[in-house]
N, C-alpha and C. Protein backbone atom coordinates (compact mmCIF):
# COMPACT_ATOMS: atom_id res chain seq x y z
N UNK A 1 71.53 208.26 -131.98
CA UNK A 1 70.26 207.72 -131.90
C UNK A 1 70.37 206.78 -130.80
N UNK A 2 69.38 206.65 -130.06
CA UNK A 2 69.82 205.33 -128.86
C UNK A 2 68.47 204.65 -129.40
N UNK A 3 68.73 203.27 -129.31
CA UNK A 3 67.31 202.38 -129.85
C UNK A 3 66.97 201.58 -128.51
N UNK A 4 65.98 201.30 -128.05
CA UNK A 4 65.34 200.90 -126.89
C UNK A 4 65.03 199.34 -127.32
N UNK A 5 65.81 198.44 -126.43
CA UNK A 5 65.34 196.97 -126.72
C UNK A 5 63.99 196.48 -126.31
N UNK A 6 63.63 195.83 -127.12
CA UNK A 6 62.38 195.03 -126.39
C UNK A 6 62.40 193.80 -125.15
N UNK A 7 63.85 193.73 -124.97
CA UNK A 7 64.27 192.72 -124.13
C UNK A 7 64.74 193.69 -123.08
N UNK A 8 64.05 193.77 -121.90
CA UNK A 8 64.30 194.65 -120.71
C UNK A 8 65.91 194.04 -119.90
N UNK A 9 65.82 192.98 -120.29
CA UNK A 9 66.93 192.39 -119.19
C UNK A 9 68.54 192.84 -119.67
N UNK A 10 68.30 193.02 -121.21
CA UNK A 10 69.74 193.71 -121.67
C UNK A 10 70.21 194.72 -121.36
N UNK A 11 71.40 194.96 -120.51
CA UNK A 11 71.93 196.45 -120.18
C UNK A 11 72.72 196.99 -120.87
N UNK A 12 73.97 196.19 -121.50
CA UNK A 12 75.03 196.38 -122.27
C UNK A 12 75.73 195.42 -122.87
N UNK A 13 76.60 195.87 -123.75
CA UNK A 13 77.53 194.69 -124.38
C UNK A 13 78.63 194.93 -123.11
N UNK A 14 78.95 193.40 -122.78
CA UNK A 14 79.70 193.28 -121.82
C UNK A 14 81.10 192.93 -122.32
N UNK A 15 81.26 192.39 -123.13
CA UNK A 15 82.60 192.10 -124.30
C UNK A 15 82.28 191.76 -125.29
N UNK A 16 83.11 192.03 -126.50
CA UNK A 16 83.14 191.48 -127.58
C UNK A 16 84.60 190.44 -127.74
N UNK A 17 84.24 189.40 -128.53
CA UNK A 17 85.57 188.45 -128.44
C UNK A 17 85.75 188.61 -130.30
N UNK A 18 87.05 188.50 -130.26
CA UNK A 18 87.51 187.87 -131.86
C UNK A 18 88.20 187.19 -131.99
N UNK A 19 88.21 186.23 -132.56
CA UNK A 19 88.92 185.18 -133.18
C UNK A 19 90.12 185.56 -133.81
N UNK A 20 91.12 185.05 -133.28
CA UNK A 20 92.41 185.65 -134.05
C UNK A 20 93.39 184.16 -134.18
N UNK A 21 94.43 184.27 -135.06
CA UNK A 21 95.32 183.29 -135.20
C UNK A 21 96.40 183.70 -134.19
N UNK A 22 96.67 184.81 -133.64
CA UNK A 22 97.89 185.04 -132.88
C UNK A 22 97.59 186.69 -132.04
N UNK A 23 97.36 186.41 -130.72
CA UNK A 23 96.91 187.54 -130.02
C UNK A 23 97.79 188.33 -129.98
N UNK A 24 98.77 188.12 -129.88
CA UNK A 24 100.20 189.20 -129.73
C UNK A 24 99.99 189.96 -131.11
N UNK A 25 99.79 189.47 -132.04
CA UNK A 25 100.19 189.97 -133.51
C UNK A 25 98.90 190.90 -133.66
N UNK A 26 97.63 190.42 -133.19
CA UNK A 26 96.46 191.19 -133.43
C UNK A 26 96.39 192.58 -132.24
N UNK A 27 97.01 192.19 -131.37
CA UNK A 27 97.03 193.43 -130.66
C UNK A 27 97.92 194.51 -130.74
N UNK A 28 99.09 194.04 -131.58
CA UNK A 28 100.00 195.09 -132.23
C UNK A 28 99.07 195.87 -133.31
N UNK A 29 98.30 195.30 -134.08
CA UNK A 29 97.48 196.19 -134.95
C UNK A 29 96.89 197.10 -134.18
N UNK A 30 96.00 196.82 -133.13
CA UNK A 30 95.22 197.66 -132.18
C UNK A 30 96.01 198.55 -131.78
N UNK A 31 96.93 198.29 -131.44
CA UNK A 31 98.04 199.33 -130.68
C UNK A 31 98.39 200.17 -131.71
N UNK A 32 98.77 199.85 -132.88
CA UNK A 32 99.05 200.71 -133.79
C UNK A 32 98.11 201.62 -134.31
N UNK A 33 96.81 201.09 -134.67
CA UNK A 33 95.81 202.01 -135.08
C UNK A 33 94.92 202.82 -134.11
N UNK A 34 94.96 202.06 -132.96
CA UNK A 34 93.79 202.47 -132.34
C UNK A 34 94.30 203.03 -130.85
N UNK A 35 95.82 202.92 -130.74
CA UNK A 35 96.29 203.56 -129.23
C UNK A 35 95.88 202.56 -128.50
N UNK A 36 95.70 201.34 -128.58
CA UNK A 36 95.72 200.39 -127.37
C UNK A 36 97.21 200.32 -126.53
N UNK A 37 97.16 200.16 -125.67
CA UNK A 37 98.60 200.36 -124.97
C UNK A 37 99.37 198.87 -125.28
N UNK A 38 100.63 199.07 -125.90
CA UNK A 38 101.26 198.06 -126.41
C UNK A 38 101.76 196.96 -125.09
N UNK A 39 101.62 197.31 -123.97
CA UNK A 39 102.15 196.30 -122.83
C UNK A 39 100.47 195.74 -122.30
N UNK A 40 99.58 195.68 -123.04
CA UNK A 40 98.61 195.14 -122.52
C UNK A 40 98.47 193.89 -122.37
N UNK A 41 97.74 193.21 -121.12
CA UNK A 41 98.18 191.69 -120.63
C UNK A 41 97.71 190.86 -121.63
N UNK A 42 98.39 189.92 -121.63
CA UNK A 42 97.77 188.80 -122.55
C UNK A 42 98.01 187.41 -121.47
N UNK A 43 96.74 187.15 -121.53
CA UNK A 43 96.55 185.84 -120.48
C UNK A 43 96.45 184.18 -121.16
N UNK A 44 97.11 183.51 -120.53
CA UNK A 44 96.49 182.28 -120.89
C UNK A 44 95.57 181.73 -120.15
N UNK A 45 94.55 181.10 -120.54
CA UNK A 45 93.76 180.31 -119.68
C UNK A 45 93.59 178.67 -120.14
N UNK A 46 94.57 178.03 -119.25
CA UNK A 46 94.69 176.68 -119.58
C UNK A 46 93.54 175.71 -119.61
N UNK A 47 92.32 176.07 -118.69
CA UNK A 47 91.13 175.16 -118.85
C UNK A 47 90.61 175.41 -120.08
N UNK A 48 90.19 176.79 -120.60
CA UNK A 48 89.53 176.72 -122.07
C UNK A 48 90.87 176.57 -123.01
N UNK A 49 91.89 176.46 -122.68
CA UNK A 49 92.92 176.25 -123.71
C UNK A 49 93.03 177.37 -124.72
N UNK A 50 92.91 178.73 -124.48
CA UNK A 50 93.05 179.81 -124.79
C UNK A 50 94.26 181.20 -124.54
N UNK A 51 94.21 181.92 -125.39
CA UNK A 51 95.26 183.07 -124.95
C UNK A 51 94.40 184.32 -125.62
N UNK A 52 94.40 184.98 -124.54
CA UNK A 52 93.53 186.41 -124.71
C UNK A 52 94.16 187.69 -124.33
N UNK A 53 93.99 188.57 -125.25
CA UNK A 53 94.66 190.10 -125.08
C UNK A 53 92.94 190.61 -124.69
N UNK A 54 93.39 191.39 -123.42
CA UNK A 54 91.98 192.14 -122.77
C UNK A 54 92.42 193.44 -122.85
N UNK A 55 91.49 194.30 -123.21
CA UNK A 55 91.48 195.99 -123.29
C UNK A 55 90.19 196.36 -123.27
N UNK A 56 90.05 197.72 -123.04
CA UNK A 56 88.58 198.32 -123.04
C UNK A 56 88.89 199.02 -124.11
N UNK A 57 88.12 199.58 -125.20
CA UNK A 57 87.91 200.65 -126.09
C UNK A 57 86.59 201.09 -126.29
N UNK A 58 86.37 202.16 -126.24
CA UNK A 58 85.21 202.89 -126.13
C UNK A 58 84.00 202.82 -125.15
N UNK A 59 84.62 202.15 -123.68
CA UNK A 59 83.56 201.71 -122.80
C UNK A 59 83.35 200.37 -122.87
N UNK A 60 83.78 199.48 -123.91
CA UNK A 60 83.74 197.87 -124.07
C UNK A 60 84.76 197.00 -123.86
N UNK A 61 84.81 196.04 -123.58
CA UNK A 61 85.86 195.16 -123.19
C UNK A 61 85.99 194.41 -124.49
N UNK A 62 87.27 194.32 -125.05
CA UNK A 62 87.46 193.76 -126.22
C UNK A 62 88.02 192.28 -125.71
N UNK A 63 88.17 191.35 -126.34
CA UNK A 63 89.02 190.28 -125.90
C UNK A 63 89.65 189.53 -127.50
N UNK A 64 90.78 189.44 -127.86
CA UNK A 64 91.50 189.00 -128.81
C UNK A 64 91.76 187.56 -128.39
N UNK A 65 91.15 186.79 -129.00
CA UNK A 65 90.95 185.36 -128.49
C UNK A 65 91.90 184.10 -129.55
N UNK A 66 92.85 183.71 -129.00
CA UNK A 66 93.67 182.74 -129.95
C UNK A 66 93.70 181.16 -128.78
N UNK A 67 93.21 180.27 -130.23
CA UNK A 67 93.17 178.92 -129.55
C UNK A 67 94.83 178.52 -129.23
N UNK A 68 94.95 177.88 -128.06
CA UNK A 68 96.62 177.01 -127.81
C UNK A 68 96.69 176.04 -128.65
N UNK A 69 95.53 175.14 -128.98
CA UNK A 69 95.66 173.94 -129.62
C UNK A 69 95.10 174.19 -131.12
N UNK A 70 95.64 173.35 -131.99
CA UNK A 70 94.96 173.36 -133.06
C UNK A 70 93.46 172.47 -133.13
N UNK A 71 92.36 172.99 -133.75
CA UNK A 71 91.09 172.53 -133.55
C UNK A 71 90.34 173.07 -132.31
N UNK A 72 90.81 174.01 -131.41
CA UNK A 72 90.43 174.65 -130.75
C UNK A 72 89.08 175.49 -130.98
N UNK A 73 88.42 175.84 -130.04
CA UNK A 73 87.22 176.84 -129.91
C UNK A 73 87.44 177.76 -131.15
N UNK A 74 88.48 178.40 -131.16
CA UNK A 74 88.76 179.90 -131.79
C UNK A 74 89.58 179.56 -133.30
N UNK A 75 90.20 178.73 -133.25
CA UNK A 75 91.20 177.94 -134.46
C UNK A 75 89.88 177.38 -135.37
N UNK A 76 89.10 176.49 -134.87
CA UNK A 76 88.14 175.76 -135.51
C UNK A 76 87.14 176.72 -136.23
N UNK A 77 86.72 177.77 -135.47
CA UNK A 77 85.94 179.28 -136.08
C UNK A 77 86.72 179.85 -137.08
N UNK A 78 88.00 179.96 -136.99
CA UNK A 78 88.69 180.59 -138.11
C UNK A 78 88.80 179.98 -139.09
N UNK A 79 88.94 178.59 -139.29
CA UNK A 79 88.93 177.36 -140.55
C UNK A 79 88.00 177.46 -140.86
N UNK A 80 86.95 177.52 -140.19
CA UNK A 80 85.22 177.16 -140.86
C UNK A 80 85.06 178.42 -141.79
N UNK A 81 85.66 179.60 -141.42
CA UNK A 81 85.24 180.92 -141.94
C UNK A 81 86.56 181.10 -142.98
N UNK A 82 87.43 180.57 -143.06
CA UNK A 82 88.62 181.16 -143.46
C UNK A 82 89.37 182.37 -143.00
N UNK A 83 88.82 183.01 -142.04
CA UNK A 83 88.90 184.43 -141.63
C UNK A 83 88.87 184.73 -140.00
N UNK A 84 89.71 185.45 -139.63
CA UNK A 84 89.26 185.80 -138.30
C UNK A 84 88.34 186.96 -138.09
N UNK A 85 87.97 187.09 -137.08
CA UNK A 85 87.02 188.00 -136.95
C UNK A 85 86.10 188.03 -135.54
N UNK A 86 85.11 188.90 -135.54
CA UNK A 86 84.14 189.09 -134.30
C UNK A 86 83.28 187.71 -134.30
N UNK A 87 83.90 186.79 -133.18
CA UNK A 87 83.34 185.33 -132.90
C UNK A 87 82.16 185.70 -132.01
N UNK A 88 81.87 186.41 -130.67
CA UNK A 88 80.37 186.55 -129.96
C UNK A 88 80.38 188.09 -129.31
N UNK A 89 79.60 188.12 -128.94
CA UNK A 89 79.08 189.47 -128.11
C UNK A 89 78.55 188.84 -126.90
N UNK A 90 79.21 189.46 -125.82
CA UNK A 90 78.68 189.20 -124.41
C UNK A 90 77.63 190.13 -124.19
N UNK A 91 76.35 189.80 -123.81
CA UNK A 91 75.38 190.98 -123.39
C UNK A 91 75.20 190.92 -121.80
N UNK A 92 75.31 191.99 -121.07
CA UNK A 92 75.46 191.96 -119.68
C UNK A 92 73.96 192.12 -119.65
N UNK A 93 73.13 191.24 -118.95
CA UNK A 93 72.05 191.24 -118.61
C UNK A 93 71.52 191.29 -116.89
N UNK A 94 70.37 191.94 -116.54
CA UNK A 94 70.09 192.28 -115.41
C UNK A 94 69.93 190.78 -114.53
N UNK A 95 68.74 189.83 -115.41
CA UNK A 95 68.56 188.54 -114.82
C UNK A 95 68.73 187.60 -115.70
N UNK A 96 69.74 186.63 -115.95
CA UNK A 96 69.81 185.55 -116.77
C UNK A 96 68.97 184.93 -117.13
N UNK A 97 68.32 184.30 -116.02
CA UNK A 97 66.96 183.43 -116.37
C UNK A 97 65.70 184.29 -117.11
N UNK A 98 65.86 185.22 -116.95
CA UNK A 98 64.89 186.00 -117.74
C UNK A 98 65.05 186.37 -119.18
N UNK A 99 66.59 186.69 -119.21
CA UNK A 99 67.03 186.87 -120.73
C UNK A 99 66.83 185.67 -121.59
N UNK A 100 67.32 184.42 -120.78
CA UNK A 100 67.20 183.16 -121.33
C UNK A 100 65.88 182.76 -121.73
N UNK A 101 64.79 183.22 -120.69
CA UNK A 101 63.32 182.83 -120.92
C UNK A 101 62.92 183.52 -122.23
N UNK A 102 63.15 184.93 -122.47
CA UNK A 102 62.70 185.45 -123.39
C UNK A 102 63.40 185.07 -124.90
N UNK A 103 64.57 184.60 -124.91
CA UNK A 103 65.10 184.26 -126.06
C UNK A 103 64.58 183.01 -126.04
N UNK A 104 64.63 182.00 -125.28
CA UNK A 104 64.01 180.76 -125.83
C UNK A 104 62.54 181.05 -126.32
N UNK A 105 61.89 181.68 -125.51
CA UNK A 105 60.35 181.97 -126.31
C UNK A 105 60.25 182.63 -127.87
N UNK A 106 61.52 182.95 -128.20
CA UNK A 106 61.58 183.42 -129.59
C UNK A 106 62.34 182.41 -130.27
N UNK A 107 62.60 181.41 -129.92
CA UNK A 107 63.11 180.22 -130.66
C UNK A 107 64.42 179.82 -130.29
N UNK A 108 65.13 180.33 -129.60
CA UNK A 108 66.74 180.17 -129.16
C UNK A 108 66.80 178.91 -128.31
N UNK A 109 68.26 178.47 -128.81
CA UNK A 109 68.15 177.07 -128.11
C UNK A 109 69.46 177.39 -127.48
N UNK A 110 70.02 176.50 -126.35
CA UNK A 110 71.22 176.63 -125.63
C UNK A 110 72.26 176.13 -126.34
N UNK A 111 73.55 176.63 -126.22
CA UNK A 111 75.04 176.23 -126.63
C UNK A 111 75.53 175.58 -125.32
N UNK A 112 76.35 174.59 -125.75
CA UNK A 112 77.33 174.45 -124.45
C UNK A 112 78.50 175.17 -124.22
N UNK A 113 78.76 175.56 -123.21
CA UNK A 113 80.05 176.39 -123.10
C UNK A 113 81.22 175.47 -122.88
N UNK A 114 82.05 175.66 -123.95
CA UNK A 114 82.95 174.88 -124.16
C UNK A 114 84.07 174.71 -123.06
N UNK A 115 84.20 175.82 -122.55
CA UNK A 115 84.99 175.74 -121.16
C UNK A 115 84.77 174.90 -119.83
N UNK A 116 83.58 174.90 -120.00
CA UNK A 116 82.89 174.12 -118.52
C UNK A 116 82.07 172.94 -119.02
N UNK A 117 81.71 172.95 -120.52
CA UNK A 117 80.80 171.49 -120.58
C UNK A 117 79.64 171.63 -120.12
N UNK A 118 78.78 172.84 -119.67
CA UNK A 118 77.56 173.38 -119.12
C UNK A 118 76.96 173.97 -120.11
N UNK A 119 75.29 173.40 -120.43
CA UNK A 119 74.30 174.20 -121.03
C UNK A 119 73.71 174.73 -119.81
N UNK A 120 73.43 176.29 -120.51
CA UNK A 120 72.60 176.99 -119.84
C UNK A 120 73.23 177.89 -118.84
N UNK A 121 72.64 178.52 -117.93
CA UNK A 121 73.28 179.51 -116.88
C UNK A 121 74.39 178.74 -115.84
N UNK A 122 75.20 179.28 -115.62
CA UNK A 122 76.08 178.64 -114.90
C UNK A 122 77.50 179.70 -114.13
N UNK A 123 78.24 179.38 -113.19
CA UNK A 123 79.33 180.45 -112.67
C UNK A 123 80.15 180.38 -113.62
N UNK A 124 80.80 181.49 -113.64
CA UNK A 124 82.13 181.87 -114.33
C UNK A 124 82.52 182.90 -113.48
N UNK A 125 84.06 183.00 -113.93
CA UNK A 125 84.71 184.25 -112.92
C UNK A 125 84.09 185.35 -112.85
N UNK A 126 83.36 186.04 -113.91
CA UNK A 126 82.70 187.42 -113.39
C UNK A 126 81.08 187.28 -113.37
N UNK A 127 80.78 186.14 -113.44
CA UNK A 127 79.30 186.18 -113.35
C UNK A 127 78.51 184.87 -114.02
N UNK A 128 77.41 184.73 -113.92
CA UNK A 128 76.95 183.51 -114.65
C UNK A 128 76.50 183.81 -116.14
N UNK A 129 77.04 182.72 -116.81
CA UNK A 129 76.96 183.01 -118.04
C UNK A 129 76.16 181.88 -119.00
N UNK A 130 75.76 182.30 -119.90
CA UNK A 130 74.98 181.12 -120.98
C UNK A 130 75.13 181.45 -122.33
N UNK A 131 75.11 180.65 -123.33
CA UNK A 131 75.17 180.88 -124.70
C UNK A 131 74.09 180.23 -125.54
N UNK A 132 74.12 181.02 -126.70
CA UNK A 132 72.82 180.73 -127.30
C UNK A 132 73.39 179.76 -128.71
N UNK A 133 72.83 178.84 -129.06
CA UNK A 133 73.03 178.08 -130.21
C UNK A 133 72.34 178.74 -131.47
N UNK A 134 71.91 180.14 -131.35
CA UNK A 134 71.32 180.92 -132.65
C UNK A 134 72.32 181.99 -132.70
N UNK A 135 73.01 182.08 -133.82
CA UNK A 135 74.11 182.95 -134.13
C UNK A 135 73.17 184.17 -134.76
N UNK A 136 73.42 185.42 -134.54
CA UNK A 136 72.80 186.50 -135.35
C UNK A 136 74.07 187.20 -136.09
N UNK A 137 73.86 186.48 -137.29
CA UNK A 137 74.52 187.00 -138.45
C UNK A 137 76.42 186.57 -138.29
N UNK A 138 75.94 185.29 -137.77
CA UNK A 138 77.39 184.52 -137.71
C UNK A 138 78.03 184.65 -136.63
N UNK A 139 77.47 185.28 -135.71
CA UNK A 139 78.33 186.01 -134.45
C UNK A 139 77.30 185.26 -133.41
N UNK A 140 78.06 184.60 -132.45
CA UNK A 140 77.31 184.06 -131.17
C UNK A 140 76.92 184.95 -130.25
N UNK A 141 76.15 184.39 -129.42
CA UNK A 141 75.44 185.34 -128.38
C UNK A 141 75.58 184.48 -126.85
N UNK A 142 76.29 185.53 -126.20
CA UNK A 142 76.43 185.15 -124.74
C UNK A 142 75.84 186.35 -123.90
N UNK A 143 75.35 185.58 -122.87
CA UNK A 143 74.65 186.35 -121.89
C UNK A 143 75.21 186.00 -120.58
N UNK A 144 75.52 187.34 -119.68
CA UNK A 144 76.06 187.21 -118.47
C UNK A 144 75.67 187.91 -117.40
N UNK A 145 75.35 187.62 -116.33
CA UNK A 145 74.69 188.28 -115.03
C UNK A 145 75.96 188.58 -114.39
N UNK A 146 76.47 189.80 -113.96
CA UNK A 146 77.30 189.87 -113.45
C UNK A 146 77.13 189.72 -111.96
N UNK A 147 78.15 189.40 -111.30
CA UNK A 147 77.79 189.02 -110.07
C UNK A 147 77.91 190.27 -109.04
N UNK A 148 77.08 190.34 -108.02
CA UNK A 148 77.15 191.07 -107.02
C UNK A 148 78.28 191.08 -106.21
N UNK A 149 78.88 191.95 -105.49
CA UNK A 149 79.88 191.86 -104.67
C UNK A 149 79.76 190.35 -103.87
N UNK A 150 78.46 190.34 -103.09
CA UNK A 150 78.43 189.25 -102.56
C UNK A 150 78.44 188.08 -103.26
N UNK A 151 77.83 187.76 -104.23
CA UNK A 151 78.16 186.59 -105.11
C UNK A 151 79.74 186.16 -105.75
N UNK A 152 80.18 187.20 -105.84
CA UNK A 152 81.81 187.37 -106.11
C UNK A 152 82.38 186.95 -105.32
N UNK A 153 82.30 187.17 -103.95
CA UNK A 153 82.95 187.04 -102.91
C UNK A 153 82.54 185.41 -102.50
N UNK A 154 81.77 185.01 -102.74
CA UNK A 154 81.12 183.61 -102.66
C UNK A 154 81.84 182.58 -103.37
N UNK A 155 81.93 183.12 -105.00
CA UNK A 155 82.33 182.30 -106.02
C UNK A 155 84.07 182.20 -105.82
N UNK A 156 84.63 183.37 -105.41
CA UNK A 156 86.19 183.36 -105.17
C UNK A 156 86.42 182.27 -103.91
N UNK A 157 85.65 182.40 -102.99
CA UNK A 157 85.77 181.54 -101.55
C UNK A 157 85.68 180.04 -102.11
N UNK A 158 84.71 179.85 -103.19
CA UNK A 158 84.43 178.51 -103.35
C UNK A 158 85.51 177.92 -104.22
N UNK A 159 86.14 178.98 -105.21
CA UNK A 159 87.17 178.70 -105.93
C UNK A 159 88.72 178.44 -105.23
N UNK A 160 88.80 179.21 -104.04
CA UNK A 160 90.03 179.29 -103.36
C UNK A 160 90.92 180.47 -103.41
N UNK A 161 89.88 181.52 -104.16
CA UNK A 161 90.85 182.71 -104.59
C UNK A 161 90.68 183.52 -103.46
């Protein structure tokens, strides 16, 4: 059964990020039980001080996220809950400003992007992102307006990629 969202800006789930103690170990379990390729790339992101295993499963991108420093974003989350688990869901939106306006009209507040130190919509490698400071069942909410090819070219040129 398909459920229609009251927020017309939500297109789909972009990715789900899981806070894990060890990305390689967590990937091993996904490989063993769900046939995720064992050679899935694990990437270190120095700016955000995270290690992430990225793969697609059922048409959704999964991110197994490990903090590279004690007290980092995912390490702190795990310690606070004494468990690993679903950290946030990123929803792809048609228009990030409209999605944020809708969420704020319902009482949402903005959370700082820990990697960039920015509140509200701002550029990231794949699109414009923003985080809500209102968790849904202890799961953070992120919005992403994926770049058009022209916006991606502009972003990459700006970053020297």
